Protein backbone atom coordinates (compact mmCIF):
# COMPACT_ATOMS: atom_id res chain seq x y z
CA MET A 1 0.00 0.00 0.00
CA GLU A 2 1.11 3.52 -0.69
CA SER A 3 2.29 5.80 2.12
CA PHE A 4 0.58 9.14 2.54
CA THR A 5 2.13 12.38 3.72
CA CYS A 6 -0.82 13.97 5.45
CA ASP A 7 -2.93 12.81 8.35
CA GLU A 8 -6.70 12.42 8.08
CA LEU A 9 -7.54 15.94 9.29
CA SER A 10 -4.90 17.92 7.39
CA CYS A 11 -5.64 16.41 3.95
CA SER A 12 -7.47 18.47 1.38
CA PRO A 13 -10.79 17.00 0.19
CA PRO A 14 -9.33 15.86 -3.18
CA GLU A 15 -6.40 14.18 -1.42
CA ARG A 16 -8.70 12.49 1.08
CA LEU A 17 -10.91 11.27 -1.78
CA ARG A 18 -7.84 9.93 -3.61
CA ARG A 19 -6.81 8.00 -0.50
CA VAL A 20 -10.27 6.53 0.00
CA LEU A 21 -10.56 5.56 -3.67
CA ALA A 22 -7.14 3.89 -3.54
CA GLN A 23 -8.24 1.96 -0.46
CA HIS A 24 -11.49 0.72 -2.07
CA GLU A 25 -10.37 0.55 -5.70
CA ARG A 26 -10.44 -3.21 -6.16
CA TRP A 27 -14.03 -3.87 -5.12
CA LEU A 28 -15.30 -0.67 -6.76
CA ARG A 29 -13.80 -1.87 -10.05
CA GLN A 30 -15.65 -5.18 -9.59
CA VAL A 31 -18.93 -3.33 -9.09
CA LEU A 32 -18.30 -1.17 -12.17
CA ALA A 33 -17.51 -4.21 -14.32
CA ILE A 34 -20.59 -6.08 -13.16
CA ARG A 35 -23.01 -3.17 -13.41
CA SER A 36 -21.74 -1.95 -16.78
CA GLY A 37 -21.61 -5.43 -18.27
CA GLU A 38 -18.26 -4.60 -19.88
CA SER A 39 -15.02 -5.41 -18.10
CA THR A 40 -13.00 -3.69 -20.84
CA VAL A 41 -14.15 -0.20 -19.85
CA THR A 42 -13.52 -0.50 -16.11
CA ASP A 43 -10.52 1.86 -16.18
CA GLU A 44 -12.55 4.58 -17.89
CA LEU A 45 -15.48 4.06 -15.56
CA PHE A 46 -13.23 4.23 -12.49
CA GLN A 47 -11.96 7.60 -13.72
CA GLU A 48 -15.56 8.76 -14.21
CA LEU A 49 -16.35 7.51 -10.70
CA ALA A 50 -13.47 9.56 -9.27
CA ILE A 51 -14.60 12.69 -11.12
CA ALA A 52 -18.24 12.23 -10.10
CA ALA A 53 -17.24 11.64 -6.48
CA LEU A 54 -15.04 14.74 -6.45
CA ARG A 55 -17.77 16.91 -8.01
CA SER A 56 -20.36 15.58 -5.59
CA GLN A 57 -18.04 16.15 -2.64
CA GLN A 58 -17.29 19.72 -3.78
CA GLN A 59 -20.98 20.55 -4.27
CA THR A 60 -22.12 19.15 -0.94
CA GLY A 61 -19.07 20.14 1.07
CA ALA A 62 -16.46 17.87 2.60
CA GLY A 63 -18.81 15.12 3.76
CA GLU A 64 -18.12 11.62 5.01
CA LEU A 65 -16.57 9.34 2.39
CA THR A 66 -18.22 6.07 3.35
CA PRO A 67 -17.96 2.88 1.30
CA ALA A 68 -21.76 2.85 0.97
CA TRP A 69 -21.66 6.33 -0.59
CA LEU A 70 -18.88 5.25 -2.98
CA TYR A 71 -20.93 2.18 -3.90
CA THR A 72 -23.89 4.42 -4.79
CA VAL A 73 -21.68 6.64 -6.95
CA ALA A 74 -20.19 3.55 -8.67
CA VAL A 75 -23.62 2.12 -9.48
CA ARG A 76 -24.79 5.47 -10.85
CA THR A 77 -21.61 5.79 -12.96
CA ALA A 78 -22.09 2.32 -14.46
CA LEU A 79 -25.77 2.91 -15.17
CA LEU A 80 -25.02 6.21 -16.92
CA HIS A 81 -22.43 4.39 -19.03
CA ARG A 82 -24.99 1.74 -20.03
CA ARG A 83 -27.44 4.48 -20.97
CA ARG A 84 -24.82 6.18 -23.16
CA MET A 85 -23.98 2.89 -24.87
CA GLY A 86 -27.67 2.21 -25.50
CA ARG A 87 -28.04 5.60 -27.17
CA ARG A 88 -24.97 4.89 -29.27
CA ARG A 89 -26.31 1.49 -30.36
CA ARG A 90 -29.65 3.01 -31.32
CA MET A 91 -27.88 5.71 -33.33
CA MET A 92 -25.74 3.09 -35.10
CA ASP A 93 -28.86 1.04 -35.88
CA ARG A 94 -30.55 4.12 -37.32
CA PHE A 95 -27.57 4.88 -39.53
CA ALA A 96 -27.15 1.22 -40.51
CA GLY A 97 -30.73 1.21 -41.79
CA SER A 98 -30.21 4.40 -43.80
CA GLY A 99 -26.88 3.35 -45.33
CA GLN A 100 -25.18 6.46 -43.92
CA VAL A 101 -22.20 6.37 -41.62
CA PRO A 102 -21.65 9.19 -39.10
CA ASP A 103 -18.52 11.31 -39.59
CA GLY A 104 -15.37 9.74 -38.20
CA GLU A 105 -16.94 6.28 -37.95
CA SER A 106 -16.09 3.26 -40.05
CA ILE A 107 -18.49 0.62 -41.25
CA PRO A 108 -18.37 -2.32 -38.82
CA ASP A 109 -17.18 -5.71 -40.07
CA PRO A 110 -20.26 -7.97 -40.42
CA LEU A 111 -18.36 -11.14 -39.43
CA GLY A 112 -16.87 -9.41 -36.41
CA LEU A 113 -20.33 -8.21 -35.35
CA LEU A 114 -21.77 -11.72 -35.71
CA LEU A 115 -18.95 -13.31 -33.69
CA ALA A 116 -19.21 -10.65 -31.01
CA LYS A 117 -22.97 -11.18 -30.78
CA GLU A 118 -22.57 -14.95 -30.40
CA ARG A 119 -19.89 -14.51 -27.75
CA GLN A 120 -22.10 -12.07 -25.91
CA LYS A 121 -25.02 -14.55 -25.92
CA LEU A 122 -22.82 -17.30 -24.47
CA VAL A 123 -21.62 -15.07 -21.65
CA GLN A 124 -25.11 -13.79 -20.94
CA ALA A 125 -26.46 -17.34 -20.77
CA ALA A 126 -23.88 -18.22 -18.13
CA ILE A 127 -24.19 -15.24 -15.75
CA GLY A 128 -26.72 -12.85 -17.24
CA ARG A 129 -29.71 -14.41 -15.53
CA LEU A 130 -28.57 -13.30 -12.10
CA LEU A 131 -29.53 -9.85 -10.93
CA PRO A 132 -26.63 -7.38 -10.75
CA LYS A 133 -26.98 -7.16 -6.99
CA ASP A 134 -26.68 -10.97 -6.77
CA ARG A 135 -23.56 -10.95 -8.97
CA GLU A 136 -22.01 -8.18 -6.87
CA LEU A 137 -22.64 -10.03 -3.63
CA LEU A 138 -21.19 -13.28 -4.98
CA VAL A 139 -18.11 -11.52 -6.37
CA LEU A 140 -17.44 -9.64 -3.14
CA LYS A 141 -17.93 -12.78 -1.02
CA TYR A 142 -16.09 -15.35 -3.11
CA THR A 143 -13.67 -13.39 -5.31
CA GLU A 144 -12.71 -10.72 -2.81
CA GLY A 145 -13.12 -13.01 0.21
CA TRP A 146 -15.05 -10.43 2.24
CA SER A 147 -16.93 -11.31 5.42
CA TYR A 148 -20.62 -10.61 5.87
CA ALA A 149 -19.70 -7.65 8.09
CA GLU A 150 -17.44 -6.13 5.42
CA ILE A 151 -20.09 -6.54 2.72
CA SER A 152 -22.77 -4.99 4.92
CA ALA A 153 -20.54 -2.02 5.78
CA HIS A 154 -19.59 -1.35 2.15
CA LEU A 155 -23.03 -1.81 0.59
CA GLY A 156 -25.07 -0.15 3.32
CA LEU A 157 -26.99 -3.32 4.26
CA THR A 158 -27.46 -5.10 7.56
CA GLU A 159 -25.67 -8.41 8.13
CA PRO A 160 -28.94 -10.39 8.14
CA GLN A 161 -29.84 -8.79 4.78
CA VAL A 162 -26.44 -9.81 3.38
CA THR A 163 -26.88 -13.37 4.69
CA THR A 164 -30.35 -13.68 3.14
CA GLN A 165 -29.40 -12.11 -0.18
CA LEU A 166 -26.27 -14.26 -0.50
CA HIS A 167 -28.27 -17.39 0.28
CA ARG A 168 -30.82 -16.49 -2.41
CA ALA A 169 -28.11 -15.61 -4.94
CA ARG A 170 -26.36 -18.95 -4.39
CA ALA A 171 -29.67 -20.80 -4.77
CA LYS A 172 -30.43 -18.97 -8.04
CA LEU A 173 -26.96 -19.70 -9.36
CA ARG A 174 -27.26 -23.39 -8.44
CA SER A 175 -30.60 -23.70 -10.23
CA LEU A 176 -29.32 -21.88 -13.33
CA LEU A 177 -26.23 -24.07 -13.49
CA SER A 178 -28.31 -27.22 -13.01
CA ALA A 179 -30.67 -26.21 -15.79
CA HIS A 180 -27.73 -25.49 -18.10
CA VAL A 181 -26.08 -28.87 -17.33
CA LEU A 182 -29.37 -30.71 -17.92
CA SER A 183 -30.01 -28.92 -21.22
CA GLU A 184 -26.47 -29.72 -22.44
CA ALA A 185 -26.85 -33.38 -21.44
CA SER A 186 -30.12 -33.78 -23.36
CA ARG A 187 -28.53 -32.61 -26.63
C-alpha cells in the first residue's frame, strides 16, 4: 500500500478522496464491471467515478466518504455508461438502416459483429440471468473473500440482509447451473 504524507484531518478533500478511492479501488472496479456489463471499460469508468465523487463532494461540502456512498456513486456511474452505450447502439442502428455512416466512424465488419454477438449470448447465458446485486454479492464474497460484516458495511446493508441475499443468490446460481447442465446433457 502507498504511504501518505498527510494525516486524516490535514488532507485536502481531493487528497482524502484519492486516498479513499485507492483503499477501495479493487471492489469498486468489480462493481463497475458487473453493473456496466463490460469489463473492458472498467478503467474509464473508475476515472468517471473519481470525477463524479469529487464533483459531488465539492458541491455538498467535505462530507463523510463512506464505502456505501462510494458504492452508490459507482452504481450510478455504471448505469449512466450503459445508458450512453444504448443511445450509441440506437444511433448506429438508425444509420445502418439508412446506409449512412456518421462522420469519423467506419463501417463495422459484419463477421466481427456476428462473432461478437454470439460470444455475448454465451456469456449472458452463463451469468446474465442473475440480478446485478446478486452478482455483486457473490463476487465480493467469493472473489474478494469479504466477510458478511465487510459486505454490509460497504453496501449499506445489515448483516442479516447480506446473509439472506447471499443465500438467495447462491440458490439462483445453483438452479441456473443445473438447468444449463441438464439442457447440455439432453442434446
